[in-house]
């Protein structure tokens, strides 16, 4: 009997999603030392299936980070009101809340240099749209770049501590940092990309 190629593709897609979903939980529960064998066991697939889908551990880490960004962080950028400032701050706060719960995965992704994933690009594009909307409304500094917002997220995440499970410190620090985004009579110093002599490819 001939095998239905579509069925095989659907089965492979289900395995991929199952492995990635299980890996998210496994990384958070067991940390960076979790083995592909353990992930295969939890996903109820063979180790060879995991290796076929992810030829190296770094590929799985990238897929896990992309999954978190696409399914947990990116949806936070969808809500819009008639208040561009509040929309921008709410997205930053919601994004930080999600990422604060995924500190282990973020740490593993940094060690694996895994941030070059589609989910990062989509998220930054969404932030760019929110930023441009806020700039057009005159509620934030016109010289802001999307990587300034990324820096806000990184700085606030640096305040996340197990001793503060309710996130009081990160909310306080976010409220402090975002005030620097507001329109001001002073202009920010140029970024490295804006500085004299900077190249377009930087």
Protein backbone atom coordinates (compact mmCIF):
# COMPACT_ATOMS: atom_id res chain seq x y z
CA UNK A 1 0.00 0.00 0.00
CA UNK A 2 1.38 3.43 -0.94
CA UNK A 3 2.13 5.82 1.86
CA UNK A 4 0.28 9.12 1.84
CA UNK A 5 2.99 11.80 1.71
CA UNK A 6 0.63 14.35 3.22
CA UNK A 7 0.01 12.11 6.21
CA UNK A 8 3.76 11.75 6.71
CA UNK A 9 4.22 15.49 6.56
CA UNK A 10 1.37 16.03 9.05
CA UNK A 11 2.87 13.44 11.39
CA UNK A 12 6.29 15.09 11.15
CA UNK A 13 4.73 18.48 11.92
CA UNK A 14 2.94 17.05 14.97
CA UNK A 15 6.19 15.50 16.21
CA UNK A 16 7.99 18.80 15.74
CA UNK A 17 5.41 20.72 17.74
CA UNK A 18 5.29 18.04 20.44
CA UNK A 19 9.07 18.00 20.85
CA UNK A 20 9.32 21.80 21.02
CA UNK A 21 6.41 22.10 23.45
CA UNK A 22 7.90 19.46 25.74
CA UNK A 23 11.36 21.06 25.48
CA UNK A 24 9.99 24.39 26.74
CA UNK A 25 8.84 22.73 29.96
CA UNK A 26 11.89 20.47 30.24
CA UNK A 27 14.34 23.36 29.93
CA UNK A 28 12.48 25.37 32.56
CA UNK A 29 12.18 22.44 34.97
CA UNK A 30 15.59 20.80 34.54
CA UNK A 31 17.76 23.62 33.25
CA UNK A 32 20.40 23.64 30.53
CA UNK A 33 21.66 20.15 31.38
CA UNK A 34 18.48 18.42 30.20
CA UNK A 35 19.34 15.79 27.57
CA UNK A 36 17.74 15.20 24.22
CA UNK A 37 17.02 11.69 25.46
CA UNK A 38 14.93 13.11 28.30
CA UNK A 39 13.08 15.40 25.91
CA UNK A 40 12.39 12.44 23.60
CA UNK A 41 11.06 10.42 26.55
CA UNK A 42 8.74 13.24 27.63
CA UNK A 43 7.54 13.78 24.06
CA UNK A 44 6.93 10.03 23.65
CA UNK A 45 9.06 9.87 20.50
CA UNK A 46 12.31 8.08 19.73
CA UNK A 47 15.65 9.82 20.23
CA UNK A 48 16.25 9.36 16.51
CA UNK A 49 13.10 11.37 15.81
CA UNK A 50 14.49 14.24 17.88
CA UNK A 51 17.84 14.07 16.09
CA UNK A 52 16.14 13.99 12.68
CA UNK A 53 14.24 17.15 13.50
CA UNK A 54 17.10 18.90 15.33
CA UNK A 55 20.55 17.84 14.19
CA UNK A 56 22.18 19.87 16.96
CA UNK A 57 21.11 20.99 20.41
CA UNK A 58 21.40 24.65 19.36
CA UNK A 59 18.73 24.07 16.71
CA UNK A 60 16.33 22.87 19.39
CA UNK A 61 17.18 25.88 21.59
CA UNK A 62 16.40 28.21 18.67
CA UNK A 63 13.11 26.42 18.05
CA UNK A 64 12.18 26.68 21.74
CA UNK A 65 12.98 30.40 21.86
CA UNK A 66 11.04 30.98 18.63
CA UNK A 67 8.06 29.06 20.07
CA UNK A 68 8.04 31.18 23.25
CA UNK A 69 8.28 34.43 21.29
CA UNK A 70 5.68 33.44 18.70
CA UNK A 71 3.08 31.93 21.04
CA UNK A 72 3.61 33.83 24.29
CA UNK A 73 5.22 37.21 23.55
CA UNK A 74 4.16 38.21 20.02
CA UNK A 75 0.39 38.05 20.82
CA UNK A 76 0.96 40.76 23.44
CA UNK A 77 1.57 43.29 20.65
CA UNK A 78 -1.88 42.84 19.09
CA UNK A 79 -4.01 44.94 21.45
CA UNK A 80 -4.54 48.57 20.45
CA UNK A 81 -6.53 51.38 22.04
CA UNK A 82 -6.76 55.07 21.24
CA UNK A 83 -3.83 55.72 23.61
CA UNK A 84 -0.49 55.08 21.82
CA UNK A 85 1.55 55.72 24.98
CA UNK A 86 -0.42 53.27 27.09
CA UNK A 87 -0.36 50.68 24.29
CA UNK A 88 3.44 50.89 24.08
CA UNK A 89 3.96 50.66 27.85
CA UNK A 90 1.42 47.84 28.19
CA UNK A 91 3.21 45.79 25.52
CA UNK A 92 6.58 46.33 27.22
CA UNK A 93 5.11 45.34 30.59
CA UNK A 94 3.31 42.28 29.22
CA UNK A 95 6.40 41.16 27.30
CA UNK A 96 8.58 41.49 30.39
CA UNK A 97 6.05 39.56 32.49
CA UNK A 98 6.17 36.66 30.02
CA UNK A 99 9.95 36.67 29.65
CA UNK A 100 10.42 36.91 33.42
CA UNK A 101 8.79 33.47 33.63
CA UNK A 102 11.17 32.13 30.98
CA UNK A 103 14.51 33.13 32.51
CA UNK A 104 16.03 29.67 32.11
CA UNK A 105 15.20 29.54 28.41
CA UNK A 106 16.53 33.07 27.88
CA UNK A 107 19.77 32.13 29.64
CA UNK A 108 20.17 29.00 27.50
CA UNK A 109 19.40 31.01 24.36
CA UNK A 110 22.07 33.59 25.25
CA UNK A 111 24.64 30.85 25.81
CA UNK A 112 23.72 29.26 22.47
CA UNK A 113 23.61 32.59 20.61
CA UNK A 114 20.10 31.61 19.54
CA UNK A 115 18.43 35.01 19.18
CA UNK A 116 18.61 35.04 15.38
CA UNK A 117 15.12 33.56 14.99
CA UNK A 118 12.03 34.61 13.08
CA UNK A 119 10.11 35.27 16.30
CA UNK A 120 12.59 37.97 17.34
CA UNK A 121 12.25 39.72 13.97
CA UNK A 122 8.44 39.61 14.08
CA UNK A 123 8.37 40.91 17.63
CA UNK A 124 10.75 43.78 16.89
CA UNK A 125 8.69 44.69 13.80
CA UNK A 126 5.59 44.88 15.99
CA UNK A 127 7.44 47.03 18.53
CA UNK A 128 8.61 49.26 15.68
CA UNK A 129 5.00 49.85 14.59
CA UNK A 130 3.95 50.70 18.15
CA UNK A 131 6.92 53.03 18.53
CA UNK A 132 6.25 54.85 15.25
CA UNK A 133 2.60 55.26 16.27
CA UNK A 134 3.67 56.79 19.59
CA UNK A 135 6.18 59.06 17.83
CA UNK A 136 3.51 60.23 15.37
CA UNK A 137 1.22 60.99 18.33
CA UNK A 138 3.96 63.10 19.90
CA UNK A 139 4.04 61.14 23.17
CA UNK A 140 7.60 59.74 23.00
CA UNK A 141 11.00 61.05 21.97
CA UNK A 142 11.17 61.23 18.16
CA UNK A 143 14.80 60.03 18.17
CA UNK A 144 13.92 56.66 19.75
CA UNK A 145 14.82 53.44 17.93
CA UNK A 146 13.29 50.03 18.39
CA UNK A 147 16.52 48.78 19.91
CA UNK A 148 16.04 51.37 22.67
CA UNK A 149 12.86 49.47 23.57
CA UNK A 150 14.74 46.19 23.43
CA UNK A 151 17.27 47.70 25.85
CA UNK A 152 14.43 48.66 28.20
CA UNK A 153 13.29 45.04 28.25
CA UNK A 154 16.81 43.75 28.90
CA UNK A 155 17.45 46.27 31.68
CA UNK A 156 14.19 45.50 33.48
CA UNK A 157 14.66 41.74 33.14
CA UNK A 158 18.01 42.18 34.88
CA UNK A 159 16.06 43.08 38.05
CA UNK A 160 14.11 39.78 38.10
CA UNK A 161 14.92 37.82 41.27
CA UNK A 162 13.51 34.58 42.76
CA UNK A 163 13.05 36.52 46.00
CA UNK A 164 10.51 38.77 44.22
CA UNK A 165 8.04 36.26 42.74
CA UNK A 166 5.28 38.87 42.39
CA UNK A 167 7.47 41.11 40.23
CA UNK A 168 7.22 44.27 42.34
CA UNK A 169 10.81 45.27 41.51
CA UNK A 170 10.50 44.79 37.77
CA UNK A 171 7.27 46.80 37.65
CA UNK A 172 8.90 49.58 39.68
CA UNK A 173 11.96 49.63 37.44
CA UNK A 174 9.86 49.55 34.27
CA UNK A 175 7.85 52.54 35.51
CA UNK A 176 11.13 54.34 36.19
CA UNK A 177 12.77 53.48 32.86
CA UNK A 178 9.81 54.22 30.59
CA UNK A 179 9.69 57.81 31.86
CA UNK A 180 12.88 58.28 29.84
CA UNK A 181 10.91 57.47 26.68
CA UNK A 182 8.66 60.49 27.03
CA UNK A 183 9.12 63.66 24.98
CA UNK A 184 11.84 65.81 26.53
CA UNK A 185 13.43 69.21 25.77
CA UNK A 186 16.80 67.44 25.70
CA UNK A 187 17.81 65.02 22.95
CA UNK A 188 19.38 61.65 23.56
CA UNK A 189 22.99 61.16 22.47
CA UNK A 190 23.24 59.38 19.09
CA UNK A 191 23.35 55.61 19.02
CA UNK A 192 26.28 53.78 17.45
CA UNK A 193 24.29 53.52 14.22
CA UNK A 194 23.63 57.26 14.22
CA UNK A 195 27.13 58.36 15.17
CA UNK A 196 29.40 59.98 12.55
CA UNK A 197 31.26 57.31 10.62
CA UNK A 198 28.79 54.54 11.40
CA UNK A 199 28.07 52.25 8.47
CA UNK A 200 24.65 51.20 7.27
CA UNK A 201 25.33 47.53 7.93
CA UNK A 202 26.03 48.02 11.64
